[in-house]
Amino acid sequence: MRSAAKPIRSRCAGLIYVAPALLFVILFVIYPLARLVGLSLTSSSLLGGSKFIGLTNYVRAFDDPVFWQALWFTVRYTLYITPILMILGFAFALLTAANSPLSRFARSAIFLPVVVGLASSSLLWFWLLDEQVGLINRVLLDLGLIAHPIVWWIDPGLGLWGVIISIVWKVVGFGTIIFVAAIQGIDAETLDAAMIDGAGYWERVWRIVLPLSARSILLTTLVSAIGSMLAFDQFYIMTAGGPRSQTFTSVYWMYQNSFIYFKLGYGAALAIVTVVIIFLGVTAQILLTRRGART
């Protein structure tokens, strides 16, 4: 009887330990997601009134050219910015991985923009890149690199790269710290043995540091990709979706439908479609990474 009671007691103790986290997930993830799914099946509006319409919102979403244009723009943004963040973050990590005072100061300086609010950093870079009073244009003109100020926010291509510059400045420090932790966790004896065997610096990075940092690279890539697919603040502040709605992200289009056009039900359906697409993308990325690690 005592031996049978021990597993039951241990299971109860385990449930007690995970109960706060489980309650948090139920209250702030599962319940809101269930409400969102329910809302997407209605014609709910901010102006009042709601009627069950089944999958009508989803049919409309698949026939909505603006949504697919916004989704494709968001995917392009993600494909552009994620490799930049990975490469720069890893490069900064290699340069600052040592525990010298200078390296610690450099890591702090690189990480500092991460603590700045996204809205604040977006507004900062909006004015830095302004064609009339922006510091960036002023410096480029004084150096003779450009003949006329660059007007960033009236061209969708320039606007996209202006947003990318601001986000790289703000976010690259996060990946740098993750990569530094991974590099510092590598056994120094392994690197010393490779150096004794004649491996050069870049060969050690390619054959030892990169493979042993694979988990950190996967984590940082997933965080960057998911954050990019959910981009809203920076485009709302810096481009306002223009010109001609060409810098609308999928989340921006959800916002427009939900709070500008008052179509909460349709906005919820767009959110569900986007979440499913992100989930499929993340799952594919994890599976491909695992398959590559096995081979």
C-alpha atoms as a PDB file:
ATOM      1  CA  MET A   1       0.000   0.000   0.000  1.00  0.00           C
ATOM      2  CA  ARG A   2       2.828   2.397   0.873  1.00  0.00           C
ATOM      3  CA  SER A   3       4.610   1.718  -2.415  1.00  0.00           C
ATOM      4  CA  ALA A   4       1.369   2.361  -4.334  1.00  0.00           C
ATOM      5  CA  ALA A   5       0.757   5.594  -2.428  1.00  0.00           C
ATOM      6  CA  LYS A   6       4.187   7.046  -3.302  1.00  0.00           C
ATOM      7  CA  PRO A   7       3.561   7.411  -7.069  1.00  0.00           C
ATOM      8  CA  ILE A   8       0.170   9.020  -6.376  1.00  0.00           C
ATOM      9  CA  ARG A   9       1.751  11.413  -3.897  1.00  0.00           C
ATOM     10  CA  SER A  10       4.553  12.295  -6.321  1.00  0.00           C
ATOM     11  CA  ARG A  11       2.069  12.907  -9.135  1.00  0.00           C
ATOM     12  CA  CYS A  12       0.017  15.191  -6.889  1.00  0.00           C
ATOM     13  CA  ALA A  13       3.168  17.078  -5.910  1.00  0.00           C
ATOM     14  CA  GLY A  14       4.073  17.464  -9.586  1.00  0.00           C
ATOM     15  CA  LEU A  15       0.621  18.834 -10.382  1.00  0.00           C
ATOM     16  CA  ILE A  16       0.906  21.332  -7.533  1.00  0.00           C
ATOM     17  CA  TYR A  17       4.267  22.538  -8.862  1.00  0.00           C
ATOM     18  CA  VAL A  18       3.028  23.026 -12.442  1.00  0.00           C
ATOM     19  CA  ALA A  19      -0.396  24.397 -11.428  1.00  0.00           C
ATOM     20  CA  PRO A  20       0.614  28.123 -11.518  1.00  0.00           C
ATOM     21  CA  ALA A  21       2.161  27.798 -14.990  1.00  0.00           C
ATOM     22  CA  LEU A  22      -0.761  25.675 -16.191  1.00  0.00           C
ATOM     23  CA  LEU A  23      -3.255  28.222 -14.857  1.00  0.00           C
ATOM     24  CA  PHE A  24      -1.342  31.026 -16.581  1.00  0.00           C
ATOM     25  CA  VAL A  25      -1.413  29.161 -19.921  1.00  0.00           C
ATOM     26  CA  ILE A  26      -5.125  28.402 -19.594  1.00  0.00           C
ATOM     27  CA  LEU A  27      -6.071  31.989 -18.654  1.00  0.00           C
ATOM     28  CA  PHE A  28      -3.808  33.886 -21.044  1.00  0.00           C
ATOM     29  CA  VAL A  29      -3.295  31.500 -23.988  1.00  0.00           C
ATOM     30  CA  ILE A  30      -5.929  28.781 -24.317  1.00  0.00           C
ATOM     31  CA  TYR A  31      -8.960  30.807 -23.188  1.00  0.00           C
ATOM     32  CA  PRO A  32      -8.215  33.896 -25.355  1.00  0.00           C
ATOM     33  CA  LEU A  33      -7.452  31.631 -28.325  1.00  0.00           C
ATOM     34  CA  ALA A  34     -10.756  29.808 -27.863  1.00  0.00           C
ATOM     35  CA  ARG A  35     -12.596  33.157 -27.642  1.00  0.00           C
ATOM     36  CA  LEU A  36     -10.788  34.311 -30.786  1.00  0.00           C
ATOM     37  CA  VAL A  37     -11.884  31.203 -32.683  1.00  0.00           C
ATOM     38  CA  GLY A  38     -15.461  31.754 -31.519  1.00  0.00           C
ATOM     39  CA  LEU A  39     -15.334  35.413 -32.513  1.00  0.00           C
ATOM     40  CA  SER A  40     -14.040  34.517 -35.979  1.00  0.00           C
ATOM     41  CA  LEU A  41     -17.236  32.526 -36.614  1.00  0.00           C
ATOM     42  CA  THR A  42     -19.455  35.567 -36.075  1.00  0.00           C
ATOM     43  CA  SER A  43     -20.189  38.904 -37.735  1.00  0.00           C
ATOM     44  CA  SER A  44     -19.230  40.724 -34.521  1.00  0.00           C
ATOM     45  CA  SER A  45     -18.645  44.473 -34.835  1.00  0.00           C
ATOM     46  CA  LEU A  46     -17.289  47.175 -32.551  1.00  0.00           C
ATOM     47  CA  LEU A  47     -20.502  49.075 -33.229  1.00  0.00           C
ATOM     48  CA  GLY A  48     -22.523  46.258 -31.677  1.00  0.00           C
ATOM     49  CA  GLY A  49     -24.372  43.246 -32.933  1.00  0.00           C
ATOM     50  CA  SER A  50     -23.136  39.735 -33.513  1.00  0.00           C
ATOM     51  CA  LYS A  51     -24.479  36.812 -35.502  1.00  0.00           C
ATOM     52  CA  PHE A  52     -23.104  33.333 -36.084  1.00  0.00           C
ATOM     53  CA  ILE A  53     -22.027  33.034 -39.733  1.00  0.00           C
ATOM     54  CA  GLY A  54     -19.879  29.908 -39.646  1.00  0.00           C
ATOM     55  CA  LEU A  55     -16.855  29.886 -41.969  1.00  0.00           C
ATOM     56  CA  THR A  56     -17.937  32.928 -43.995  1.00  0.00           C
ATOM     57  CA  ASN A  57     -15.100  35.076 -42.602  1.00  0.00           C
ATOM     58  CA  TYR A  58     -12.532  32.437 -43.552  1.00  0.00           C
ATOM     59  CA  VAL A  59     -13.911  32.173 -47.093  1.00  0.00           C
ATOM     60  CA  ARG A  60     -13.707  35.938 -47.337  1.00  0.00           C
ATOM     61  CA  ALA A  61     -10.126  35.914 -46.032  1.00  0.00           C
ATOM     62  CA  PHE A  62      -9.009  33.473 -48.718  1.00  0.00           C
ATOM     63  CA  ASP A  63     -10.611  35.735 -51.342  1.00  0.00           C
ATOM     64  CA  ASP A  64      -9.133  38.942 -49.883  1.00  0.00           C
ATOM     65  CA  PRO A  65      -6.321  40.188 -52.185  1.00  0.00           C
ATOM     66  CA  VAL A  66      -5.200  42.843 -49.693  1.00  0.00           C
ATOM     67  CA  PHE A  67      -4.675  40.226 -46.981  1.00  0.00           C
ATOM     68  CA  TRP A  68      -2.555  38.020 -49.243  1.00  0.00           C
ATOM     69  CA  GLN A  69      -0.583  41.035 -50.443  1.00  0.00           C
ATOM     70  CA  ALA A  70       0.013  42.025 -46.801  1.00  0.00           C
ATOM     71  CA  LEU A  71       0.957  38.445 -45.910  1.00  0.00           C
ATOM     72  CA  TRP A  72       3.435  38.218 -48.789  1.00  0.00           C
ATOM     73  CA  PHE A  73       4.945  41.563 -47.762  1.00  0.00           C
ATOM     74  CA  THR A  74       5.280  40.248 -44.200  1.00  0.00           C
ATOM     75  CA  VAL A  75       6.977  37.064 -45.445  1.00  0.00           C
ATOM     76  CA  ARG A  76       9.406  39.137 -47.534  1.00  0.00           C
ATOM     77  CA  TYR A  77      10.186  41.313 -44.530  1.00  0.00           C
ATOM     78  CA  THR A  78      10.814  38.185 -42.444  1.00  0.00           C
ATOM     79  CA  LEU A  79      13.046  36.628 -45.102  1.00  0.00           C
ATOM     80  CA  TYR A  80      15.075  39.837 -45.368  1.00  0.00           C
ATOM     81  CA  ILE A  81      15.521  40.661 -41.706  1.00  0.00           C
ATOM     82  CA  THR A  82      16.019  37.219 -40.144  1.00  0.00           C
ATOM     83  CA  PRO A  83      19.313  36.352 -41.927  1.00  0.00           C
ATOM     84  CA  ILE A  84      20.618  39.867 -41.238  1.00  0.00           C
ATOM     85  CA  LEU A  85      19.896  39.503 -37.524  1.00  0.00           C
ATOM     86  CA  MET A  86      21.456  36.022 -37.421  1.00  0.00           C
ATOM     87  CA  ILE A  87      24.644  36.973 -39.271  1.00  0.00           C
ATOM     88  CA  LEU A  88      25.221  40.269 -37.448  1.00  0.00           C
ATOM     89  CA  GLY A  89      24.307  38.759 -34.070  1.00  0.00           C
ATOM     90  CA  PHE A  90      26.729  35.866 -34.523  1.00  0.00           C
ATOM     91  CA  ALA A  91      29.466  38.179 -35.839  1.00  0.00           C
ATOM     92  CA  PHE A  92      29.094  40.505 -32.840  1.00  0.00           C
ATOM     93  CA  ALA A  93      29.120  37.469 -30.541  1.00  0.00           C
ATOM     94  CA  LEU A  94      32.406  36.238 -32.024  1.00  0.00           C
ATOM     95  CA  LEU A  95      33.909  39.708 -31.578  1.00  0.00           C
ATOM     96  CA  THR A  96      32.730  40.146 -27.974  1.00  0.00           C
ATOM     97  CA  ALA A  97      32.744  36.595 -26.582  1.00  0.00           C
ATOM     98  CA  ALA A  98      35.917  37.195 -24.541  1.00  0.00           C
ATOM     99  CA  ASN A  99      35.562  38.202 -20.897  1.00  0.00           C
ATOM    100  CA  SER A 100      37.752  41.282 -21.173  1.00  0.00           C
ATOM    101  CA  PRO A 101      36.417  44.642 -19.902  1.00  0.00           C
ATOM    102  CA  LEU A 102      36.298  45.980 -23.474  1.00  0.00           C
ATOM    103  CA  SER A 103      34.228  42.993 -24.663  1.00  0.00           C
ATOM    104  CA  ARG A 104      31.816  43.338 -21.743  1.00  0.00           C
ATOM    105  CA  PHE A 105      31.390  47.043 -22.489  1.00  0.00           C
ATOM    106  CA  ALA A 106      30.803  46.305 -26.189  1.00  0.00           C
ATOM    107  CA  ARG A 107      28.179  43.655 -25.341  1.00  0.00           C
ATOM    108  CA  SER A 108      26.389  46.118 -23.082  1.00  0.00           C
ATOM    109  CA  ALA A 109      26.410  48.789 -25.795  1.00  0.00           C
ATOM    110  CA  ILE A 110      25.076  46.353 -28.412  1.00  0.00           C
ATOM    111  CA  PHE A 111      22.362  45.074 -26.065  1.00  0.00           C
ATOM    112  CA  LEU A 112      21.275  48.514 -24.817  1.00  0.00           C
ATOM    113  CA  PRO A 113      18.782  49.247 -27.659  1.00  0.00           C
ATOM    114  CA  VAL A 114      16.904  46.028 -26.797  1.00  0.00           C
ATOM    115  CA  VAL A 115      15.540  47.660 -23.635  1.00  0.00           C
ATOM    116  CA  VAL A 116      14.194  50.645 -25.601  1.00  0.00           C
ATOM    117  CA  GLY A 117      10.485  50.365 -26.364  1.00  0.00           C
ATOM    118  CA  LEU A 118       9.618  49.416 -29.935  1.00  0.00           C
ATOM    119  CA  ALA A 119       7.395  52.457 -30.393  1.00  0.00           C
ATOM    120  CA  SER A 120      10.130  54.767 -29.082  1.00  0.00           C
ATOM    121  CA  SER A 121      12.826  53.263 -31.310  1.00  0.00           C
ATOM    122  CA  SER A 122      10.527  53.410 -34.349  1.00  0.00           C
ATOM    123  CA  LEU A 123       9.769  57.083 -33.719  1.00  0.00           C
ATOM    124  CA  LEU A 124      13.487  57.769 -33.200  1.00  0.00           C
ATOM    125  CA  TRP A 125      14.430  56.222 -36.528  1.00  0.00           C
ATOM    126  CA  PHE A 126      11.480  57.859 -38.290  1.00  0.00           C
ATOM    127  CA  TRP A 127      13.032  61.233 -37.501  1.00  0.00           C
ATOM    128  CA  LEU A 128      16.644  60.105 -38.024  1.00  0.00           C
ATOM    129  CA  LEU A 129      15.726  59.089 -41.588  1.00  0.00           C
ATOM    130  CA  ASP A 130      13.533  62.128 -42.282  1.00  0.00           C
ATOM    131  CA  GLU A 131      14.479  63.860 -45.545  1.00  0.00           C
ATOM    132  CA  GLN A 132      14.349  67.383 -44.072  1.00  0.00           C
ATOM    133  CA  VAL A 133      15.631  67.219 -40.487  1.00  0.00           C
ATOM    134  CA  GLY A 134      17.000  63.668 -40.285  1.00  0.00           C
ATOM    135  CA  LEU A 135      20.567  63.208 -39.061  1.00  0.00           C
ATOM    136  CA  ILE A 136      21.266  60.320 -41.466  1.00  0.00           C
ATOM    137  CA  ASN A 137      20.580  62.398 -44.575  1.00  0.00           C
ATOM    138  CA  ARG A 138      22.576  65.302 -43.144  1.00  0.00           C
ATOM    139  CA  VAL A 139      25.644  63.124 -42.555  1.00  0.00           C
ATOM    140  CA  LEU A 140      25.410  61.475 -45.993  1.00  0.00           C
ATOM    141  CA  LEU A 141      25.112  64.906 -47.657  1.00  0.00           C
ATOM    142  CA  ASP A 142      28.074  66.316 -45.721  1.00  0.00           C
ATOM    143  CA  LEU A 143      30.203  63.311 -46.690  1.00  0.00           C
ATOM    144  CA  GLY A 144      29.252  63.773 -50.341  1.00  0.00           C
ATOM    145  CA  LEU A 145      27.807  60.260 -50.587  1.00  0.00           C
ATOM    146  CA  ILE A 146      24.455  61.528 -51.891  1.00  0.00           C
ATOM    147  CA  ALA A 147      23.527  64.608 -53.913  1.00  0.00           C
ATOM    148  CA  HIS A 148      19.970  64.921 -52.625  1.00  0.00           C
ATOM    149  CA  PRO A 149      18.229  63.797 -49.414  1.00  0.00           C
ATOM    150  CA  ILE A 150      16.796  60.278 -49.540  1.00  0.00           C
ATOM    151  CA  VAL A 151      13.032  60.329 -49.130  1.00  0.00           C
ATOM    152  CA  TRP A 152      12.531  57.046 -47.298  1.00  0.00           C
ATOM    153  CA  TRP A 153       8.817  57.003 -46.597  1.00  0.00           C
ATOM    154  CA  ILE A 154       7.250  57.597 -50.032  1.00  0.00           C
ATOM    155  CA  ASP A 155       8.850  54.556 -51.688  1.00  0.00           C
ATOM    156  CA  PRO A 156       7.764  51.094 -50.453  1.00  0.00           C
ATOM    157  CA  GLY A 157      11.205  49.590 -51.082  1.00  0.00           C
ATOM    158  CA  LEU A 158      13.070  52.332 -49.221  1.00  0.00           C
ATOM    159  CA  GLY A 159      10.419  52.333 -46.491  1.00  0.00           C
ATOM    160  CA  LEU A 160      10.895  48.596 -45.979  1.00  0.00           C
ATOM    161  CA  TRP A 161      14.660  48.958 -45.651  1.00  0.00           C
ATOM    162  CA  GLY A 162      14.257  51.935 -43.347  1.00  0.00           C
ATOM    163  CA  VAL A 163      12.167  49.769 -41.025  1.00  0.00           C
ATOM    164  CA  ILE A 164      14.709  46.923 -41.310  1.00  0.00           C
ATOM    165  CA  ILE A 165      17.550  49.263 -40.308  1.00  0.00           C
ATOM    166  CA  SER A 166      15.636  50.428 -37.240  1.00  0.00           C
ATOM    167  CA  ILE A 167      14.711  46.886 -36.151  1.00  0.00           C
ATOM    168  CA  VAL A 168      18.250  45.549 -36.666  1.00  0.00           C
ATOM    169  CA  TRP A 169      19.573  48.371 -34.481  1.00  0.00           C
ATOM    170  CA  LYS A 170      17.036  47.550 -31.784  1.00  0.00           C
ATOM    171  CA  VAL A 171      16.983  43.737 -31.838  1.00  0.00           C
ATOM    172  CA  VAL A 172      20.440  42.518 -32.884  1.00  0.00           C
ATOM    173  CA  GLY A 173      21.677  42.720 -29.290  1.00  0.00           C
ATOM    174  CA  PHE A 174      19.256  39.982 -28.217  1.00  0.00           C
ATOM    175  CA  GLY A 175      20.747  37.451 -30.611  1.00  0.00           C
ATOM    176  CA  THR A 176      24.248  38.606 -29.726  1.00  0.00           C
ATOM    177  CA  ILE A 177      23.761  37.797 -26.036  1.00  0.00           C
ATOM    178  CA  ILE A 178      22.240  34.385 -26.844  1.00  0.00           C
ATOM    179  CA  PHE A 179      25.169  33.545 -29.143  1.00  0.00           C
ATOM    180  CA  VAL A 180      27.732  34.800 -26.631  1.00  0.00           C
ATOM    181  CA  ALA A 181      26.268  32.472 -24.000  1.00  0.00           C
ATOM    182  CA  ALA A 182      26.480  29.562 -26.471  1.00  0.00           C
ATOM    183  CA  ILE A 183      30.080  30.349 -27.426  1.00  0.00           C
ATOM    184  CA  GLN A 184      31.197  30.777 -23.823  1.00  0.00           C
ATOM    185  CA  GLY A 185      29.576  27.416 -23.007  1.00  0.00           C
ATOM    186  CA  ILE A 186      31.877  25.575 -25.420  1.00  0.00           C
ATOM    187  CA  ASP A 187      34.644  23.673 -23.648  1.00  0.00           C
ATOM    188  CA  ALA A 188      37.898  25.589 -24.091  1.00  0.00           C
ATOM    189  CA  GLU A 189      39.810  22.297 -24.242  1.00  0.00           C
ATOM    190  CA  THR A 190      37.927  21.350 -27.423  1.00  0.00           C
ATOM    191  CA  LEU A 191      38.954  24.582 -29.129  1.00  0.00           C
ATOM    192  CA  ASP A 192      42.540  24.247 -27.854  1.00  0.00           C
ATOM    193  CA  ALA A 193      42.772  20.671 -29.145  1.00  0.00           C
ATOM    194  CA  ALA A 194      41.553  21.774 -32.570  1.00  0.00           C
ATOM    195  CA  MET A 195      44.095  24.596 -32.601  1.00  0.00           C
ATOM    196  CA  ILE A 196      46.897  22.169 -31.707  1.00  0.00           C
ATOM    197  CA  ASP A 197      45.762  19.929 -34.583  1.00  0.00           C
ATOM    198  CA  GLY A 198      46.303  22.851 -36.936  1.00  0.00           C
ATOM    199  CA  ALA A 199      42.754  24.163 -37.338  1.00  0.00           C
ATOM    200  CA  GLY A 200      42.666  27.865 -38.142  1.00  0.00           C
ATOM    201  CA  TYR A 201      40.293  30.370 -36.564  1.00  0.00           C
ATOM    202  CA  TRP A 202      37.598  30.177 -39.232  1.00  0.00           C
ATOM    203  CA  GLU A 203      37.857  26.403 -39.409  1.00  0.00           C
ATOM    204  CA  ARG A 204      37.272  26.219 -35.647  1.00  0.00           C
ATOM    205  CA  VAL A 205      34.285  28.531 -36.009  1.00  0.00           C
ATOM    206  CA  TRP A 206      32.823  26.492 -38.892  1.00  0.00           C
ATOM    207  CA  ARG A 207      33.485  22.991 -37.529  1.00  0.00           C
ATOM    208  CA  ILE A 208      33.151  23.508 -33.769  1.00  0.00           C
ATOM    209  CA  VAL A 209      31.507  26.782 -32.740  1.00  0.00           C
ATOM    210  CA  LEU A 210      28.655  26.741 -35.280  1.00  0.00           C
ATOM    211  CA  PRO A 211      27.591  23.088 -34.725  1.00  0.00           C
ATOM    212  CA  LEU A 212      27.726  23.458 -30.940  1.00  0.00           C
ATOM    213  CA  SER A 213      25.675  26.660 -31.176  1.00  0.00           C
ATOM    214  CA  ALA A 214      22.940  25.026 -33.268  1.00  0.00           C
ATOM    215  CA  ARG A 215      20.309  25.105 -30.506  1.00  0.00           C
ATOM    216  CA  SER A 216      20.917  28.787 -29.843  1.00  0.00           C
ATOM    217  CA  ILE A 217      20.785  29.543 -33.560  1.00  0.00           C
ATOM    218  CA  LEU A 218      17.463  27.693 -33.844  1.00  0.00           C
ATOM    219  CA  LEU A 219      16.029  29.540 -30.817  1.00  0.00           C
ATOM    220  CA  THR A 220      17.103  32.950 -32.099  1.00  0.00           C
ATOM    221  CA  THR A 221      15.873  32.211 -35.618  1.00  0.00           C
ATOM    222  CA  LEU A 222      12.447  31.140 -34.338  1.00  0.00           C
ATOM    223  CA  VAL A 223      12.095  34.194 -32.088  1.00  0.00           C
ATOM    224  CA  SER A 224      13.171  36.512 -34.912  1.00  0.00           C
ATOM    225  CA  ALA A 225      10.920  34.881 -37.508  1.00  0.00           C
ATOM    226  CA  ILE A 226       7.838  34.852 -35.258  1.00  0.00           C
ATOM    227  CA  GLY A 227       8.432  38.443 -34.164  1.00  0.00           C
ATOM    228  CA  SER A 228       8.847  39.543 -37.793  1.00  0.00           C
ATOM    229  CA  MET A 229       5.665  37.766 -38.900  1.00  0.00           C
ATOM    230  CA  LEU A 230       3.807  39.650 -36.148  1.00  0.00           C
ATOM    231  CA  ALA A 231       5.295  43.044 -37.059  1.00  0.00           C
ATOM    232  CA  PHE A 232       2.967  45.982 -36.539  1.00  0.00           C
ATOM    233  CA  ASP A 233       4.276  48.848 -34.392  1.00  0.00           C
ATOM    234  CA  GLN A 234       7.221  49.794 -36.581  1.00  0.00           C
ATOM    235  CA  PHE A 235       5.164  49.920 -39.788  1.00  0.00           C
ATOM    236  CA  TYR A 236       2.274  51.725 -38.085  1.00  0.00           C
ATOM    237  CA  ILE A 237       4.626  54.466 -36.870  1.00  0.00           C
ATOM    238  CA  MET A 238       7.151  54.695 -39.700  1.00  0.00           C
ATOM    239  CA  THR A 239       5.219  54.000 -42.922  1.00  0.00           C
ATOM    240  CA  ALA A 240       1.543  53.958 -41.834  1.00  0.00           C
ATOM    241  CA  GLY A 241       1.072  51.161 -44.359  1.00  0.00           C
ATOM    242  CA  GLY A 242       1.866  53.449 -47.269  1.00  0.00           C
ATOM    243  CA  PRO A 243       2.397  54.345 -49.926  1.00  0.00           C
ATOM    244  CA  ARG A 244      -0.780  52.909 -51.452  1.00  0.00           C
ATOM    245  CA  SER A 245      -1.047  50.222 -48.748  1.00  0.00           C
ATOM    246  CA  GLN A 246       2.136  48.557 -50.057  1.00  0.00           C
ATOM    247  CA  THR A 247       3.729  48.256 -46.611  1.00  0.00           C
ATOM    248  CA  PHE A 248       0.740  46.702 -44.881  1.00  0.00           C
ATOM    249  CA  THR A 249       1.726  43.716 -42.770  1.00  0.00           C
ATOM    250  CA  SER A 250      -0.784  40.962 -42.019  1.00  0.00           C
ATOM    251  CA  VAL A 251      -1.193  42.196 -38.437  1.00  0.00           C
ATOM    252  CA  TYR A 252      -1.637  45.762 -39.685  1.00  0.00           C
ATOM    253  CA  TRP A 253      -4.481  44.561 -41.957  1.00  0.00           C
ATOM    254  CA  MET A 254      -6.068  42.784 -38.970  1.00  0.00           C
ATOM    255  CA  TYR A 255      -5.892  46.039 -37.031  1.00  0.00           C
ATOM    256  CA  GLN A 256      -7.450  47.970 -39.906  1.00  0.00           C
ATOM    257  CA  ASN A 257     -10.386  45.584 -40.184  1.00  0.00           C
ATOM    258  CA  SER A 258     -10.937  45.192 -36.443  1.00  0.00           C
ATOM    259  CA  PHE A 259     -10.569  48.759 -35.176  1.00  0.00           C
ATOM    260  CA  ILE A 260     -10.850  51.051 -38.210  1.00  0.00           C
ATOM    261  CA  TYR A 261     -13.555  49.202 -40.166  1.00  0.00           C
ATOM    262  CA  PHE A 262     -15.096  47.783 -36.915  1.00  0.00           C
ATOM    263  CA  LYS A 263     -15.177  44.203 -38.313  1.00  0.00           C
ATOM    264  CA  LEU A 264     -14.061  42.262 -35.246  1.00  0.00           C
ATOM    265  CA  GLY A 265     -15.226  38.909 -36.560  1.00  0.00           C
ATOM    266  CA  TYR A 266     -13.320  39.245 -39.810  1.00  0.00           C
ATOM    267  CA  GLY A 267     -10.245  40.552 -38.006  1.00  0.00           C
ATOM    268  CA  ALA A 268     -10.355  37.493 -35.727  1.00  0.00           C
ATOM    269  CA  ALA A 269     -10.521  35.190 -38.755  1.00  0.00           C
ATOM    270  CA  LEU A 270      -7.460  36.910 -40.263  1.00  0.00           C
ATOM    271  CA  ALA A 271      -5.659  36.413 -36.945  1.00  0.00           C
ATOM    272  CA  ILE A 272      -6.448  32.688 -36.886  1.00  0.00           C
ATOM    273  CA  VAL A 273      -5.249  32.233 -40.479  1.00  0.00           C
ATOM    274  CA  THR A 274      -2.008  34.058 -39.655  1.00  0.00           C
ATOM    275  CA  VAL A 275      -1.445  31.994 -36.493  1.00  0.00           C
ATOM    276  CA  VAL A 276      -1.935  28.754 -38.454  1.00  0.00           C
ATOM    277  CA  ILE A 277       0.536  29.895 -41.139  1.00  0.00           C
ATOM    278  CA  ILE A 278       3.133  30.849 -38.500  1.00  0.00           C
ATOM    279  CA  PHE A 279       2.611  27.520 -36.698  1.00  0.00           C
ATOM    280  CA  LEU A 280       3.133  25.566 -39.923  1.00  0.00           C
ATOM    281  CA  GLY A 281       6.237  27.590 -40.754  1.00  0.00           C
ATOM    282  CA  VAL A 282       7.764  27.131 -37.311  1.00  0.00           C
ATOM    283  CA  THR A 283       6.997  23.390 -37.340  1.00  0.00           C
ATOM    284  CA  ALA A 284       8.622  23.001 -40.759  1.00  0.00           C
ATOM    285  CA  GLN A 285      11.683  24.929 -39.600  1.00  0.00           C
ATOM    286  CA  ILE A 286      12.103  22.741 -36.493  1.00  0.00           C
ATOM    287  CA  LEU A 287      11.693  19.522 -38.501  1.00  0.00           C
ATOM    288  CA  LEU A 288      14.198  20.643 -41.142  1.00  0.00           C
ATOM    289  CA  THR A 289      16.681  21.661 -38.446  1.00  0.00           C
ATOM    290  CA  ARG A 290      16.376  18.309 -36.695  1.00  0.00           C
ATOM    291  CA  ARG A 291      16.768  16.428 -39.979  1.00  0.00           C
ATOM    292  CA  GLY A 292      19.848  18.466 -40.811  1.00  0.00           C
ATOM    293  CA  ALA A 293      21.318  17.769 -37.363  1.00  0.00           C
ATOM    294  CA  ARG A 294      20.818  14.003 -37.819  1.00  0.00           C
ATOM    295  CA  THR A 295      22.506  13.967 -41.200  1.00  0.00           C
END
